[in-house]
Amino acid sequence: MDDLSSGQLAALRDLALKKSGGHVPFVNIAAARALTELGLAERSREGWDITAAGAALLARLAGPPA
């Protein structure tokens, strides 16, 4: 799963921002669907939401806190 495209990674970051209450004007539908197939996002009434697996992947990619 570390080989996400730049669009998929951007969509995953947008979904994390959305979950934290940030404003996300647009999430790429193709990228969100691909993330859903990988278990990193899920479809909801509001569009797509990041899953625990998606949040864990972002945390791992960010590395340890400085």
N, C-alpha and C. Protein backbone atom coordinates (compact mmCIF):
# COMPACT_ATOMS: atom_id res chain seq x y z
N MET A 1 0.81 -1.20 0.00
CA MET A 1 0.00 0.00 0.00
C MET A 1 0.84 1.26 0.00
N ASP A 2 2.13 1.12 0.14
CA ASP A 2 2.99 2.30 0.12
C ASP A 2 3.17 2.87 -1.27
N ASP A 3 2.63 2.19 -2.28
CA ASP A 3 2.80 2.66 -3.65
C ASP A 3 1.56 3.37 -4.18
N LEU A 4 0.97 4.21 -3.36
CA LEU A 4 -0.17 5.01 -3.79
C LEU A 4 0.29 6.05 -4.79
N SER A 5 -0.58 6.37 -5.75
CA SER A 5 -0.26 7.44 -6.68
C SER A 5 -0.33 8.77 -5.93
N SER A 6 0.22 9.80 -6.53
CA SER A 6 0.18 11.11 -5.87
C SER A 6 -1.26 11.58 -5.69
N GLY A 7 -2.14 11.26 -6.63
CA GLY A 7 -3.54 11.63 -6.51
C GLY A 7 -4.24 10.89 -5.39
N GLN A 8 -3.92 9.60 -5.24
CA GLN A 8 -4.51 8.81 -4.16
C GLN A 8 -4.02 9.31 -2.81
N LEU A 9 -2.74 9.62 -2.72
CA LEU A 9 -2.19 10.13 -1.46
C LEU A 9 -2.80 11.48 -1.11
N ALA A 10 -2.99 12.33 -2.10
CA ALA A 10 -3.62 13.64 -1.86
C ALA A 10 -5.06 13.45 -1.39
N ALA A 11 -5.78 12.51 -2.01
CA ALA A 11 -7.16 12.24 -1.60
C ALA A 11 -7.21 11.71 -0.18
N LEU A 12 -6.26 10.83 0.17
CA LEU A 12 -6.22 10.29 1.53
C LEU A 12 -5.95 11.40 2.54
N ARG A 13 -5.06 12.30 2.21
CA ARG A 13 -4.78 13.45 3.10
C ARG A 13 -6.02 14.34 3.22
N ASP A 14 -6.72 14.54 2.11
CA ASP A 14 -7.95 15.34 2.15
C ASP A 14 -9.00 14.68 3.05
N LEU A 15 -9.11 13.36 2.98
CA LEU A 15 -10.08 12.65 3.82
C LEU A 15 -9.70 12.76 5.30
N ALA A 16 -8.41 12.76 5.58
CA ALA A 16 -7.96 12.95 6.97
C ALA A 16 -8.32 14.35 7.45
N LEU A 17 -8.12 15.34 6.58
CA LEU A 17 -8.47 16.71 6.91
C LEU A 17 -9.97 16.84 7.15
N LYS A 18 -10.75 16.19 6.30
CA LYS A 18 -12.21 16.20 6.45
C LYS A 18 -12.62 15.61 7.80
N LYS A 19 -11.98 14.49 8.17
CA LYS A 19 -12.33 13.84 9.44
C LYS A 19 -12.03 14.74 10.63
N SER A 20 -10.97 15.54 10.52
CA SER A 20 -10.61 16.43 11.63
C SER A 20 -11.40 17.73 11.62
N GLY A 21 -12.36 17.84 10.69
CA GLY A 21 -13.23 19.02 10.67
C GLY A 21 -12.82 20.09 9.70
N GLY A 22 -11.75 19.85 8.95
CA GLY A 22 -11.29 20.83 7.98
C GLY A 22 -12.18 20.86 6.75
N HIS A 23 -12.11 21.96 6.03
CA HIS A 23 -12.91 22.11 4.82
C HIS A 23 -12.18 21.49 3.63
N VAL A 24 -12.84 20.56 2.97
CA VAL A 24 -12.29 19.90 1.79
C VAL A 24 -13.30 20.11 0.66
N PRO A 25 -12.99 20.99 -0.29
CA PRO A 25 -13.97 21.30 -1.32
C PRO A 25 -14.21 20.19 -2.33
N PHE A 26 -13.22 19.32 -2.58
CA PHE A 26 -13.35 18.32 -3.62
C PHE A 26 -12.43 17.15 -3.33
N VAL A 27 -12.94 15.96 -3.46
CA VAL A 27 -12.11 14.76 -3.35
C VAL A 27 -12.21 14.05 -4.69
N ASN A 28 -11.09 13.72 -5.29
CA ASN A 28 -11.06 13.05 -6.57
C ASN A 28 -11.79 11.71 -6.46
N ILE A 29 -12.83 11.54 -7.24
CA ILE A 29 -13.68 10.35 -7.14
C ILE A 29 -12.91 9.08 -7.49
N ALA A 30 -12.14 9.12 -8.56
CA ALA A 30 -11.38 7.92 -8.96
C ALA A 30 -10.39 7.53 -7.87
N ALA A 31 -9.73 8.50 -7.29
CA ALA A 31 -8.76 8.22 -6.22
C ALA A 31 -9.48 7.67 -4.99
N ALA A 32 -10.61 8.26 -4.65
CA ALA A 32 -11.37 7.79 -3.48
C ALA A 32 -11.87 6.36 -3.69
N ARG A 33 -12.29 6.04 -4.89
CA ARG A 33 -12.74 4.68 -5.18
C ARG A 33 -11.57 3.69 -5.04
N ALA A 34 -10.41 4.08 -5.54
CA ALA A 34 -9.23 3.21 -5.42
C ALA A 34 -8.87 3.02 -3.95
N LEU A 35 -8.96 4.07 -3.15
CA LEU A 35 -8.67 3.97 -1.72
C LEU A 35 -9.67 3.05 -1.03
N THR A 36 -10.93 3.08 -1.49
CA THR A 36 -11.96 2.20 -0.93
C THR A 36 -11.61 0.75 -1.22
N GLU A 37 -11.16 0.47 -2.43
CA GLU A 37 -10.78 -0.90 -2.79
C GLU A 37 -9.61 -1.40 -1.95
N LEU A 38 -8.75 -0.48 -1.51
CA LEU A 38 -7.60 -0.84 -0.68
C LEU A 38 -7.94 -0.88 0.81
N GLY A 39 -9.16 -0.48 1.17
CA GLY A 39 -9.57 -0.48 2.57
C GLY A 39 -9.10 0.76 3.32
N LEU A 40 -8.65 1.78 2.60
CA LEU A 40 -8.15 2.99 3.23
C LEU A 40 -9.22 4.07 3.37
N ALA A 41 -10.33 3.88 2.69
CA ALA A 41 -11.46 4.81 2.76
C ALA A 41 -12.74 3.98 2.63
N GLU A 42 -13.85 4.62 2.99
CA GLU A 42 -15.15 3.96 2.84
C GLU A 42 -16.17 4.99 2.39
N ARG A 43 -17.15 4.53 1.67
CA ARG A 43 -18.22 5.38 1.17
C ARG A 43 -19.21 5.66 2.29
N SER A 44 -19.67 6.90 2.34
CA SER A 44 -20.67 7.29 3.34
C SER A 44 -21.68 8.22 2.68
N ARG A 45 -22.66 8.63 3.45
CA ARG A 45 -23.65 9.58 2.92
C ARG A 45 -23.02 10.91 2.52
N GLU A 46 -21.95 11.27 3.19
CA GLU A 46 -21.28 12.54 2.94
C GLU A 46 -20.18 12.42 1.89
N GLY A 47 -20.05 11.28 1.25
CA GLY A 47 -19.00 11.09 0.26
C GLY A 47 -18.12 9.93 0.66
N TRP A 48 -16.89 10.21 1.00
CA TRP A 48 -15.95 9.19 1.45
C TRP A 48 -15.36 9.60 2.78
N ASP A 49 -15.01 8.60 3.58
CA ASP A 49 -14.38 8.82 4.88
C ASP A 49 -13.12 7.97 4.96
N ILE A 50 -12.13 8.48 5.63
CA ILE A 50 -10.90 7.73 5.85
C ILE A 50 -11.18 6.62 6.87
N THR A 51 -10.56 5.47 6.70
CA THR A 51 -10.71 4.38 7.65
C THR A 51 -9.54 4.41 8.63
N ALA A 52 -9.62 3.58 9.64
CA ALA A 52 -8.51 3.47 10.60
C ALA A 52 -7.24 3.03 9.88
N ALA A 53 -7.37 2.15 8.89
CA ALA A 53 -6.21 1.70 8.13
C ALA A 53 -5.61 2.85 7.32
N GLY A 54 -6.47 3.70 6.78
CA GLY A 54 -5.99 4.87 6.03
C GLY A 54 -5.26 5.85 6.94
N ALA A 55 -5.81 6.09 8.12
CA ALA A 55 -5.17 7.00 9.07
C ALA A 55 -3.83 6.43 9.54
N ALA A 56 -3.78 5.12 9.75
CA ALA A 56 -2.54 4.48 10.19
C ALA A 56 -1.47 4.59 9.09
N LEU A 57 -1.88 4.42 7.84
CA LEU A 57 -0.92 4.54 6.74
C LEU A 57 -0.37 5.96 6.67
N LEU A 58 -1.21 6.96 6.80
CA LEU A 58 -0.73 8.35 6.78
C LEU A 58 0.23 8.61 7.93
N ALA A 59 -0.08 8.09 9.11
CA ALA A 59 0.79 8.28 10.26
C ALA A 59 2.15 7.62 10.01
N ARG A 60 2.13 6.43 9.42
CA ARG A 60 3.38 5.72 9.14
C ARG A 60 4.19 6.47 8.08
N LEU A 61 3.53 7.00 7.06
CA LEU A 61 4.24 7.75 6.02
C LEU A 61 4.82 9.05 6.54
N ALA A 62 4.16 9.63 7.55
CA ALA A 62 4.65 10.89 8.12
C ALA A 62 5.90 10.68 8.96
N GLY A 63 6.07 9.47 9.45
CA GLY A 63 7.25 9.17 10.27
C GLY A 63 7.04 9.56 11.71
N PRO A 64 8.06 9.34 12.52
CA PRO A 64 7.95 9.65 13.95
C PRO A 64 7.89 11.16 14.17
N PRO A 65 7.20 11.58 15.24
CA PRO A 65 7.14 13.01 15.55
C PRO A 65 8.52 13.56 15.83
N ALA A 66 8.71 14.80 15.40
CA ALA A 66 10.03 15.44 15.58
C ALA A 66 10.23 15.95 16.99
